[in-house]
Amino acid sequence: MPTALTALWTANLLGPARALSFAGEAELLAVRDANSALSLFNSFGSVQGQVKIRDLAAADLAADGSAILIATSTGRVAWLGIDLKQRWETQLGGRLITAAIDPFGQYAVVTDDKGALHFLDRHMKSLGRFQSPRPIHHARFVAAAPFLACAGDFGWAGLLDLLRGEWAWSDRPVANIGGLAVGSTGEPLLLACFSEGVRVYGTGGGPRTTIALAAPCESVAASFDGFRFAASTKAREVFLGNYKGPPPERVATPHTPSALALSPQADRLFCGYGNATVQCLEVAGG
């Protein structure tokens, strides 16, 4: 049967949505918006907390809901509790671009505009510094293995082995990259490539395949295992599918999504919009 989206709740933000992260275990959704605000919502769409952070560049919520990592464009990195109060802080050089926290809120990475990747523990102690071929704009921890999935905004993606301190694989797709998602074992790694659609990498970086969309791809989100995915375009729509299955379905949304997140079982889709709202949609069928 065709996939259908049913709105479960809609909430207001302080600015256009820029990034979402969903903690499936805690049923919490963190939203970063264009006005440097961080908002936290519960499973009913009620605001649990909201704070404005000067020069906020990135934020990520641990999958177990234990902590939030934030990074600013001026080099500040902070560990927040679910009450949005600061626990630890450090200052790094360079303009920070993105940040990621591991599923259990114990480790973090932040990246800067010079291509540096800083690996930290929850007390802001440095565990290593790595260099990437291009500045990293998208990063996600792999849930069940010591790897970090990374991509630039153009022309590079890779998987970092955090134990060995080296890139397990690296690729240079000739495409603008708007987002990244990764399965719990590191496979698949999905890239939202503007000109190609959803680019898919298997174990070891191959084989590489592409899921074509009917419009340029802006962002991508995946279920916990990575099999189910959602991709957005510049229109009021999302594409929903299985990366090993038939072509994804095109499903209408109330507004053009500017950020996406999927629940672990892919039964709910979270869409952030440019009109300063965020919505939780039940996914049925498909």
C-alpha atoms as a PDB file:
ATOM      1  CA  MET A   1       0.000   0.000   0.000  1.00  0.00           C
ATOM      2  CA  PRO A   2       1.187   3.581  -0.620  1.00  0.00           C
ATOM      3  CA  THR A   3       3.073   5.314   2.160  1.00  0.00           C
ATOM      4  CA  ALA A   4       1.038   7.892   4.070  1.00  0.00           C
ATOM      5  CA  LEU A   5       2.160  10.594   6.491  1.00  0.00           C
ATOM      6  CA  THR A   6      -0.110  11.646   9.350  1.00  0.00           C
ATOM      7  CA  ALA A   7       0.742  14.663  11.489  1.00  0.00           C
ATOM      8  CA  LEU A   8       1.022  13.743  15.186  1.00  0.00           C
ATOM      9  CA  TRP A   9       2.098  17.192  16.367  1.00  0.00           C
ATOM     10  CA  THR A  10       3.468  20.524  15.180  1.00  0.00           C
ATOM     11  CA  ALA A  11       5.491  22.966  17.288  1.00  0.00           C
ATOM     12  CA  ASN A  12       6.840  26.474  16.837  1.00  0.00           C
ATOM     13  CA  LEU A  13      10.534  27.356  16.788  1.00  0.00           C
ATOM     14  CA  LEU A  14      12.368  30.631  17.319  1.00  0.00           C
ATOM     15  CA  GLY A  15      13.659  30.566  13.740  1.00  0.00           C
ATOM     16  CA  PRO A  16      13.805  28.448  10.570  1.00  0.00           C
ATOM     17  CA  ALA A  17      14.901  24.873  11.327  1.00  0.00           C
ATOM     18  CA  ARG A  18      18.493  24.005  10.439  1.00  0.00           C
ATOM     19  CA  ALA A  19      19.157  20.590  12.028  1.00  0.00           C
ATOM     20  CA  LEU A  20      17.303  17.885  13.985  1.00  0.00           C
ATOM     21  CA  SER A  21      18.508  15.032  16.183  1.00  0.00           C
ATOM     22  CA  PHE A  22      16.185  12.469  17.757  1.00  0.00           C
ATOM     23  CA  ALA A  23      16.921  10.407  20.871  1.00  0.00           C
ATOM     24  CA  GLY A  24      14.849   7.282  20.356  1.00  0.00           C
ATOM     25  CA  GLU A  25      15.424   5.834  23.822  1.00  0.00           C
ATOM     26  CA  ALA A  26      14.446   9.042  25.609  1.00  0.00           C
ATOM     27  CA  GLU A  27      11.822  10.165  23.061  1.00  0.00           C
ATOM     28  CA  LEU A  28      13.374  13.627  22.794  1.00  0.00           C
ATOM     29  CA  LEU A  29      13.913  15.804  19.733  1.00  0.00           C
ATOM     30  CA  ALA A  30      16.558  18.550  19.610  1.00  0.00           C
ATOM     31  CA  VAL A  31      16.221  21.306  17.018  1.00  0.00           C
ATOM     32  CA  ARG A  32      18.818  23.915  16.051  1.00  0.00           C
ATOM     33  CA  ASP A  33      17.399  26.909  14.222  1.00  0.00           C
ATOM     34  CA  ALA A  34      18.722  29.817  12.168  1.00  0.00           C
ATOM     35  CA  ASN A  35      18.390  32.236  15.092  1.00  0.00           C
ATOM     36  CA  SER A  36      21.040  30.398  17.175  1.00  0.00           C
ATOM     37  CA  ALA A  37      18.387  28.758  19.347  1.00  0.00           C
ATOM     38  CA  LEU A  38      18.345  25.183  20.606  1.00  0.00           C
ATOM     39  CA  SER A  39      14.933  23.687  21.409  1.00  0.00           C
ATOM     40  CA  LEU A  40      14.134  20.354  23.050  1.00  0.00           C
ATOM     41  CA  PHE A  41      10.750  18.643  22.593  1.00  0.00           C
ATOM     42  CA  ASN A  42       9.198  15.547  24.177  1.00  0.00           C
ATOM     43  CA  SER A  43       7.211  12.833  22.391  1.00  0.00           C
ATOM     44  CA  PHE A  44       4.025  14.931  22.566  1.00  0.00           C
ATOM     45  CA  GLY A  45       5.612  17.998  20.988  1.00  0.00           C
ATOM     46  CA  SER A  46       5.798  19.962  24.234  1.00  0.00           C
ATOM     47  CA  VAL A  47       8.830  22.177  24.791  1.00  0.00           C
ATOM     48  CA  GLN A  48      11.145  20.689  27.417  1.00  0.00           C
ATOM     49  CA  GLY A  49      13.645  23.503  27.131  1.00  0.00           C
ATOM     50  CA  GLN A  50      14.765  26.317  24.878  1.00  0.00           C
ATOM     51  CA  VAL A  51      17.935  28.405  24.933  1.00  0.00           C
ATOM     52  CA  LYS A  52      19.647  30.891  22.631  1.00  0.00           C
ATOM     53  CA  ILE A  53      23.386  30.302  22.203  1.00  0.00           C
ATOM     54  CA  ARG A  54      25.453  32.981  20.553  1.00  0.00           C
ATOM     55  CA  ASP A  55      27.060  31.914  17.256  1.00  0.00           C
ATOM     56  CA  LEU A  56      25.591  28.400  17.512  1.00  0.00           C
ATOM     57  CA  ALA A  57      26.954  26.389  14.576  1.00  0.00           C
ATOM     58  CA  ALA A  58      26.039  22.800  15.475  1.00  0.00           C
ATOM     59  CA  ALA A  59      24.225  20.707  18.068  1.00  0.00           C
ATOM     60  CA  ASP A  60      23.701  16.979  18.513  1.00  0.00           C
ATOM     61  CA  LEU A  61      21.624  14.973  20.993  1.00  0.00           C
ATOM     62  CA  ALA A  62      22.863  11.590  22.273  1.00  0.00           C
ATOM     63  CA  ALA A  63      20.593   8.700  21.271  1.00  0.00           C
ATOM     64  CA  ASP A  64      20.005   7.773  24.923  1.00  0.00           C
ATOM     65  CA  GLY A  65      18.993  11.358  25.730  1.00  0.00           C
ATOM     66  CA  SER A  66      21.764  11.818  28.286  1.00  0.00           C
ATOM     67  CA  ALA A  67      23.529  14.866  26.844  1.00  0.00           C
ATOM     68  CA  ILE A  68      23.670  17.483  24.102  1.00  0.00           C
ATOM     69  CA  LEU A  69      26.854  18.654  22.417  1.00  0.00           C
ATOM     70  CA  ILE A  70      27.026  22.181  21.012  1.00  0.00           C
ATOM     71  CA  ALA A  71      29.687  23.991  19.000  1.00  0.00           C
ATOM     72  CA  THR A  72      29.881  27.649  18.024  1.00  0.00           C
ATOM     73  CA  SER A  73      31.489  29.288  15.027  1.00  0.00           C
ATOM     74  CA  THR A  74      33.873  31.070  17.434  1.00  0.00           C
ATOM     75  CA  GLY A  75      35.432  27.803  18.676  1.00  0.00           C
ATOM     76  CA  ARG A  76      33.445  27.110  21.842  1.00  0.00           C
ATOM     77  CA  VAL A  77      32.455  23.499  22.575  1.00  0.00           C
ATOM     78  CA  ALA A  78      30.095  22.668  25.439  1.00  0.00           C
ATOM     79  CA  TRP A  79      28.433  19.602  26.932  1.00  0.00           C
ATOM     80  CA  LEU A  80      24.848  20.278  28.034  1.00  0.00           C
ATOM     81  CA  GLY A  81      22.495  18.270  30.200  1.00  0.00           C
ATOM     82  CA  ILE A  82      18.895  17.656  29.181  1.00  0.00           C
ATOM     83  CA  ASP A  83      18.004  20.720  31.257  1.00  0.00           C
ATOM     84  CA  LEU A  84      20.153  22.624  28.699  1.00  0.00           C
ATOM     85  CA  LYS A  85      22.508  23.690  31.474  1.00  0.00           C
ATOM     86  CA  GLN A  86      26.222  23.570  30.727  1.00  0.00           C
ATOM     87  CA  ARG A  87      28.233  20.751  32.314  1.00  0.00           C
ATOM     88  CA  TRP A  88      31.656  21.188  30.689  1.00  0.00           C
ATOM     89  CA  GLU A  89      33.195  23.591  28.210  1.00  0.00           C
ATOM     90  CA  THR A  90      36.381  24.056  26.203  1.00  0.00           C
ATOM     91  CA  GLN A  91      37.688  26.481  23.606  1.00  0.00           C
ATOM     92  CA  LEU A  92      39.231  25.322  20.334  1.00  0.00           C
ATOM     93  CA  GLY A  93      40.901  27.291  17.585  1.00  0.00           C
ATOM     94  CA  GLY A  94      39.357  27.872  14.198  1.00  0.00           C
ATOM     95  CA  ARG A  95      35.787  28.284  13.029  1.00  0.00           C
ATOM     96  CA  LEU A  96      33.823  25.202  14.055  1.00  0.00           C
ATOM     97  CA  ILE A  97      31.466  23.708  11.488  1.00  0.00           C
ATOM     98  CA  THR A  98      29.795  20.596  12.849  1.00  0.00           C
ATOM     99  CA  ALA A  99      29.570  18.402  15.953  1.00  0.00           C
ATOM    100  CA  ALA A 100      28.513  14.839  16.768  1.00  0.00           C
ATOM    101  CA  ILE A 101      28.014  12.942  20.023  1.00  0.00           C
ATOM    102  CA  ASP A 102      28.071   9.154  20.413  1.00  0.00           C
ATOM    103  CA  PRO A 103      24.806   7.302  21.220  1.00  0.00           C
ATOM    104  CA  PHE A 104      25.613   7.028  24.948  1.00  0.00           C
ATOM    105  CA  GLY A 105      26.830  10.573  25.511  1.00  0.00           C
ATOM    106  CA  GLN A 106      30.425   9.614  26.302  1.00  0.00           C
ATOM    107  CA  TYR A 107      32.406  10.851  23.293  1.00  0.00           C
ATOM    108  CA  ALA A 108      32.222  13.719  20.844  1.00  0.00           C
ATOM    109  CA  VAL A 109      33.797  15.125  17.720  1.00  0.00           C
ATOM    110  CA  VAL A 110      33.867  18.671  16.406  1.00  0.00           C
ATOM    111  CA  THR A 111      35.313  19.874  13.114  1.00  0.00           C
ATOM    112  CA  ASP A 112      36.680  23.177  11.878  1.00  0.00           C
ATOM    113  CA  ASP A 113      37.082  25.040   8.605  1.00  0.00           C
ATOM    114  CA  LYS A 114      40.719  23.943   8.245  1.00  0.00           C
ATOM    115  CA  GLY A 115      39.843  20.250   7.968  1.00  0.00           C
ATOM    116  CA  ALA A 116      40.709  19.369  11.574  1.00  0.00           C
ATOM    117  CA  LEU A 117      38.595  16.865  13.508  1.00  0.00           C
ATOM    118  CA  HIS A 118      38.838  16.970  17.314  1.00  0.00           C
ATOM    119  CA  PHE A 119      37.945  13.796  19.261  1.00  0.00           C
ATOM    120  CA  LEU A 120      36.905  14.507  22.879  1.00  0.00           C
ATOM    121  CA  ASP A 121      35.512  12.678  25.892  1.00  0.00           C
ATOM    122  CA  ARG A 122      32.554  13.908  27.959  1.00  0.00           C
ATOM    123  CA  HIS A 123      34.859  15.955  30.208  1.00  0.00           C
ATOM    124  CA  MET A 124      36.277  17.795  27.168  1.00  0.00           C
ATOM    125  CA  LYS A 125      39.598  15.914  27.368  1.00  0.00           C
ATOM    126  CA  SER A 126      41.252  15.554  23.965  1.00  0.00           C
ATOM    127  CA  LEU A 127      41.481  11.957  22.711  1.00  0.00           C
ATOM    128  CA  GLY A 128      42.990  12.804  19.358  1.00  0.00           C
ATOM    129  CA  ARG A 129      43.106  15.176  16.428  1.00  0.00           C
ATOM    130  CA  PHE A 130      42.725  14.059  12.830  1.00  0.00           C
ATOM    131  CA  GLN A 131      43.005  15.763   9.478  1.00  0.00           C
ATOM    132  CA  SER A 132      40.533  15.257   6.655  1.00  0.00           C
ATOM    133  CA  PRO A 133      41.057  15.952   2.941  1.00  0.00           C
ATOM    134  CA  ARG A 134      38.321  18.602   3.079  1.00  0.00           C
ATOM    135  CA  PRO A 135      36.572  20.402   5.969  1.00  0.00           C
ATOM    136  CA  ILE A 136      33.929  18.086   7.447  1.00  0.00           C
ATOM    137  CA  HIS A 137      30.389  19.476   7.337  1.00  0.00           C
ATOM    138  CA  HIS A 138      28.539  16.265   8.255  1.00  0.00           C
ATOM    139  CA  ALA A 139      29.534  13.665  10.878  1.00  0.00           C
ATOM    140  CA  ARG A 140      27.758  10.776  12.604  1.00  0.00           C
ATOM    141  CA  PHE A 141      29.006   8.150  15.066  1.00  0.00           C
ATOM    142  CA  VAL A 142      28.366   4.539  14.064  1.00  0.00           C
ATOM    143  CA  ALA A 143      26.259   3.034  16.864  1.00  0.00           C
ATOM    144  CA  ALA A 144      27.702  -0.498  17.041  1.00  0.00           C
ATOM    145  CA  ALA A 145      31.325   0.002  15.965  1.00  0.00           C
ATOM    146  CA  PRO A 146      34.153   2.478  16.713  1.00  0.00           C
ATOM    147  CA  PHE A 147      33.747   4.403  13.472  1.00  0.00           C
ATOM    148  CA  LEU A 148      32.747   7.911  12.478  1.00  0.00           C
ATOM    149  CA  ALA A 149      30.996   8.620   9.173  1.00  0.00           C
ATOM    150  CA  CYS A 150      32.054  11.952   7.661  1.00  0.00           C
ATOM    151  CA  ALA A 151      31.514  14.094   4.590  1.00  0.00           C
ATOM    152  CA  GLY A 152      32.440  17.522   3.321  1.00  0.00           C
ATOM    153  CA  ASP A 153      29.978  19.869   1.678  1.00  0.00           C
ATOM    154  CA  PHE A 154      31.480  18.935  -1.705  1.00  0.00           C
ATOM    155  CA  GLY A 155      33.645  16.221  -3.159  1.00  0.00           C
ATOM    156  CA  TRP A 156      34.638  14.024  -0.221  1.00  0.00           C
ATOM    157  CA  ALA A 157      33.276  11.373   2.174  1.00  0.00           C
ATOM    158  CA  GLY A 158      34.930   8.793   4.409  1.00  0.00           C
ATOM    159  CA  LEU A 159      34.760   6.481   7.400  1.00  0.00           C
ATOM    160  CA  LEU A 160      37.187   7.134  10.261  1.00  0.00           C
ATOM    161  CA  ASP A 161      38.415   4.216  12.404  1.00  0.00           C
ATOM    162  CA  LEU A 162      38.597   5.830  15.854  1.00  0.00           C
ATOM    163  CA  LEU A 163      40.656   2.986  17.374  1.00  0.00           C
ATOM    164  CA  ARG A 164      43.326   2.937  14.693  1.00  0.00           C
ATOM    165  CA  GLY A 165      43.218   6.673  14.144  1.00  0.00           C
ATOM    166  CA  GLU A 166      43.059   6.331  10.370  1.00  0.00           C
ATOM    167  CA  TRP A 167      40.559   6.523   7.561  1.00  0.00           C
ATOM    168  CA  ALA A 168      39.058   3.088   6.871  1.00  0.00           C
ATOM    169  CA  TRP A 169      38.037   4.349   3.455  1.00  0.00           C
ATOM    170  CA  SER A 170      37.678   7.608   1.589  1.00  0.00           C
ATOM    171  CA  ASP A 171      35.914   8.652  -1.612  1.00  0.00           C
ATOM    172  CA  ARG A 172      35.633  11.802  -3.693  1.00  0.00           C
ATOM    173  CA  PRO A 173      32.150  12.037  -5.227  1.00  0.00           C
ATOM    174  CA  VAL A 174      31.858  14.963  -7.635  1.00  0.00           C
ATOM    175  CA  ALA A 175      28.743  16.343  -5.977  1.00  0.00           C
ATOM    176  CA  ASN A 176      27.478  18.865  -3.463  1.00  0.00           C
ATOM    177  CA  ILE A 177      26.613  17.013  -0.244  1.00  0.00           C
ATOM    178  CA  GLY A 178      23.714  18.280   1.872  1.00  0.00           C
ATOM    179  CA  GLY A 179      23.532  15.564   4.504  1.00  0.00           C
ATOM    180  CA  LEU A 180      24.690  12.173   5.755  1.00  0.00           C
ATOM    181  CA  ALA A 181      23.123   9.176   7.495  1.00  0.00           C
ATOM    182  CA  VAL A 182      24.636   5.853   8.539  1.00  0.00           C
ATOM    183  CA  GLY A 183      23.388   2.452   9.686  1.00  0.00           C
ATOM    184  CA  SER A 184      24.223   1.011  13.103  1.00  0.00           C
ATOM    185  CA  THR A 185      27.093  -1.150  11.777  1.00  0.00           C
ATOM    186  CA  GLY A 186      28.529   1.459   9.422  1.00  0.00           C
ATOM    187  CA  GLU A 187      26.605   0.087   6.455  1.00  0.00           C
ATOM    188  CA  PRO A 188      24.971   1.657   4.588  1.00  0.00           C
ATOM    189  CA  LEU A 189      26.424   5.146   4.576  1.00  0.00           C
ATOM    190  CA  LEU A 190      24.025   7.453   2.743  1.00  0.00           C
ATOM    191  CA  LEU A 191      24.896  10.834   1.245  1.00  0.00           C
ATOM    192  CA  ALA A 192      22.394  13.435   0.083  1.00  0.00           C
ATOM    193  CA  CYS A 193      24.020  14.468  -3.200  1.00  0.00           C
ATOM    194  CA  PHE A 194      22.387  17.426  -4.900  1.00  0.00           C
ATOM    195  CA  SER A 195      22.984  16.280  -8.466  1.00  0.00           C
ATOM    196  CA  GLU A 196      22.860  12.487  -8.049  1.00  0.00           C
ATOM    197  CA  GLY A 197      20.237  11.646  -5.443  1.00  0.00           C
ATOM    198  CA  VAL A 198      21.123   9.410  -2.486  1.00  0.00           C
ATOM    199  CA  ARG A 199      24.609   7.928  -2.846  1.00  0.00           C
ATOM    200  CA  VAL A 200      24.998   4.576  -1.039  1.00  0.00           C
ATOM    201  CA  TYR A 201      28.233   3.055   0.296  1.00  0.00           C
ATOM    202  CA  GLY A 202      28.582  -0.492   1.580  1.00  0.00           C
ATOM    203  CA  THR A 203      31.243  -2.099   3.773  1.00  0.00           C
ATOM    204  CA  GLY A 204      34.702  -0.739   3.040  1.00  0.00           C
ATOM    205  CA  GLY A 205      33.295   2.074   0.944  1.00  0.00           C
ATOM    206  CA  GLY A 206      31.844  -0.135  -1.761  1.00  0.00           C
ATOM    207  CA  PRO A 207      30.101  -1.082  -3.834  1.00  0.00           C
ATOM    208  CA  ARG A 208      28.874   2.441  -4.509  1.00  0.00           C
ATOM    209  CA  THR A 209      25.369   2.824  -5.888  1.00  0.00           C
ATOM    210  CA  THR A 210      22.977   5.733  -6.328  1.00  0.00           C
ATOM    211  CA  ILE A 211      19.271   5.994  -5.605  1.00  0.00           C
ATOM    212  CA  ALA A 212      17.966   8.474  -8.158  1.00  0.00           C
ATOM    213  CA  LEU A 213      15.324  10.974  -7.110  1.00  0.00           C
ATOM    214  CA  ALA A 214      13.004  13.003  -9.303  1.00  0.00           C
ATOM    215  CA  ALA A 215      14.505  16.232  -7.931  1.00  0.00           C
ATOM    216  CA  PRO A 216      17.850  17.406  -6.467  1.00  0.00           C
ATOM    217  CA  CYS A 217      18.478  15.887  -3.019  1.00  0.00           C
ATOM    218  CA  GLU A 218      18.920  18.295  -0.092  1.00  0.00           C
ATOM    219  CA  SER A 219      19.120  16.077   3.016  1.00  0.00           C
ATOM    220  CA  VAL A 220      18.808  12.463   4.164  1.00  0.00           C
ATOM    221  CA  ALA A 221      17.900  10.597   7.360  1.00  0.00           C
ATOM    222  CA  ALA A 222      17.864   6.878   8.158  1.00  0.00           C
ATOM    223  CA  SER A 223      16.457   4.321  10.574  1.00  0.00           C
ATOM    224  CA  PHE A 224      18.717   2.764  13.222  1.00  0.00           C
ATOM    225  CA  ASP A 225      19.771  -0.101  10.938  1.00  0.00           C
ATOM    226  CA  GLY A 226      20.017   2.207   7.938  1.00  0.00           C
ATOM    227  CA  PHE A 227      17.669   0.199   5.735  1.00  0.00           C
ATOM    228  CA  ARG A 228      14.839   2.728   5.690  1.00  0.00           C
ATOM    229  CA  PHE A 229      15.601   6.287   4.658  1.00  0.00           C
ATOM    230  CA  ALA A 230      13.968   9.639   3.994  1.00  0.00           C
ATOM    231  CA  ALA A 231      15.318  12.258   1.605  1.00  0.00           C
ATOM    232  CA  SER A 232      14.178  15.819   0.986  1.00  0.00           C
ATOM    233  CA  THR A 233      14.330  18.178  -1.996  1.00  0.00           C
ATOM    234  CA  LYS A 234      13.612  21.870  -2.491  1.00  0.00           C
ATOM    235  CA  ALA A 235       9.893  21.095  -2.788  1.00  0.00           C
ATOM    236  CA  ARG A 236       7.081  20.205  -0.391  1.00  0.00           C
ATOM    237  CA  GLU A 237       7.900  16.516  -0.442  1.00  0.00           C
ATOM    238  CA  VAL A 238      10.024  13.703   0.907  1.00  0.00           C
ATOM    239  CA  PHE A 239      11.142  10.458  -0.696  1.00  0.00           C
ATOM    240  CA  LEU A 240      10.735   7.387   1.528  1.00  0.00           C
ATOM    241  CA  GLY A 241      12.171   3.975   0.807  1.00  0.00           C
ATOM    242  CA  ASN A 242      14.457   1.031   1.524  1.00  0.00           C
ATOM    243  CA  TYR A 243      17.977   1.425   0.196  1.00  0.00           C
ATOM    244  CA  LYS A 244      17.919  -2.158  -1.144  1.00  0.00           C
ATOM    245  CA  GLY A 245      14.336  -1.995  -2.349  1.00  0.00           C
ATOM    246  CA  PRO A 246      12.366  -0.490  -5.237  1.00  0.00           C
ATOM    247  CA  PRO A 247      12.546   3.230  -6.089  1.00  0.00           C
ATOM    248  CA  PRO A 248      11.490   5.396  -3.131  1.00  0.00           C
ATOM    249  CA  GLU A 249       8.002   6.832  -2.899  1.00  0.00           C
ATOM    250  CA  ARG A 250       7.383  10.539  -3.275  1.00  0.00           C
ATOM    251  CA  VAL A 251       5.136  11.776  -0.449  1.00  0.00           C
ATOM    252  CA  ALA A 252       3.821  15.322  -0.007  1.00  0.00           C
ATOM    253  CA  THR A 253       4.631  17.399   3.090  1.00  0.00           C
ATOM    254  CA  PRO A 254       2.865  20.579   4.299  1.00  0.00           C
ATOM    255  CA  HIS A 255       5.983  22.690   3.723  1.00  0.00           C
ATOM    256  CA  THR A 256       9.449  22.293   2.221  1.00  0.00           C
ATOM    257  CA  PRO A 257      11.636  20.425   4.760  1.00  0.00           C
ATOM    258  CA  SER A 258      14.880  22.138   5.733  1.00  0.00           C
ATOM    259  CA  ALA A 259      15.931  19.354   8.144  1.00  0.00           C
ATOM    260  CA  LEU A 260      14.991  15.693   8.675  1.00  0.00           C
ATOM    261  CA  ALA A 261      15.202  12.954  11.301  1.00  0.00           C
ATOM    262  CA  LEU A 262      13.775   9.424  11.396  1.00  0.00           C
ATOM    263  CA  SER A 263      12.869   7.393  14.467  1.00  0.00           C
ATOM    264  CA  PRO A 264      14.928   4.178  14.960  1.00  0.00           C
ATOM    265  CA  GLN A 265      12.164   1.997  13.479  1.00  0.00           C
ATOM    266  CA  ALA A 266      11.300   4.546  10.760  1.00  0.00           C
ATOM    267  CA  ASP A 267       7.711   4.730  11.998  1.00  0.00           C
ATOM    268  CA  ARG A 268       7.954   8.494  12.568  1.00  0.00           C
ATOM    269  CA  LEU A 269       9.459  11.225  10.432  1.00  0.00           C
ATOM    270  CA  PHE A 270      10.469  14.572  11.910  1.00  0.00           C
ATOM    271  CA  CYS A 271      10.521  17.537   9.537  1.00  0.00           C
ATOM    272  CA  GLY A 272      11.895  20.967  10.339  1.00  0.00           C
ATOM    273  CA  TYR A 273      10.640  23.742   8.102  1.00  0.00           C
ATOM    274  CA  GLY A 274      11.779  27.162   6.972  1.00  0.00           C
ATOM    275  CA  ASN A 275       8.632  28.744   8.436  1.00  0.00           C
ATOM    276  CA  ALA A 276      10.006  28.163  11.961  1.00  0.00           C
ATOM    277  CA  THR A 277       8.001  25.042  12.767  1.00  0.00           C
ATOM    278  CA  VAL A 278       8.849  21.394  13.364  1.00  0.00           C
ATOM    279  CA  GLN A 279       6.503  18.490  12.815  1.00  0.00           C
ATOM    280  CA  CYS A 280       6.265  14.840  13.836  1.00  0.00           C
ATOM    281  CA  LEU A 281       4.644  12.648  11.177  1.00  0.00           C
ATOM    282  CA  GLU A 282       3.547   9.042  11.544  1.00  0.00           C
ATOM    283  CA  VAL A 283       4.735   6.861   8.659  1.00  0.00           C
ATOM    284  CA  ALA A 284       2.267   4.178   7.595  1.00  0.00           C
ATOM    285  CA  GLY A 285       2.308   1.749   4.681  1.00  0.00           C
ATOM    286  CA  GLY A 286       5.145   1.439   2.247  1.00  0.00           C
END
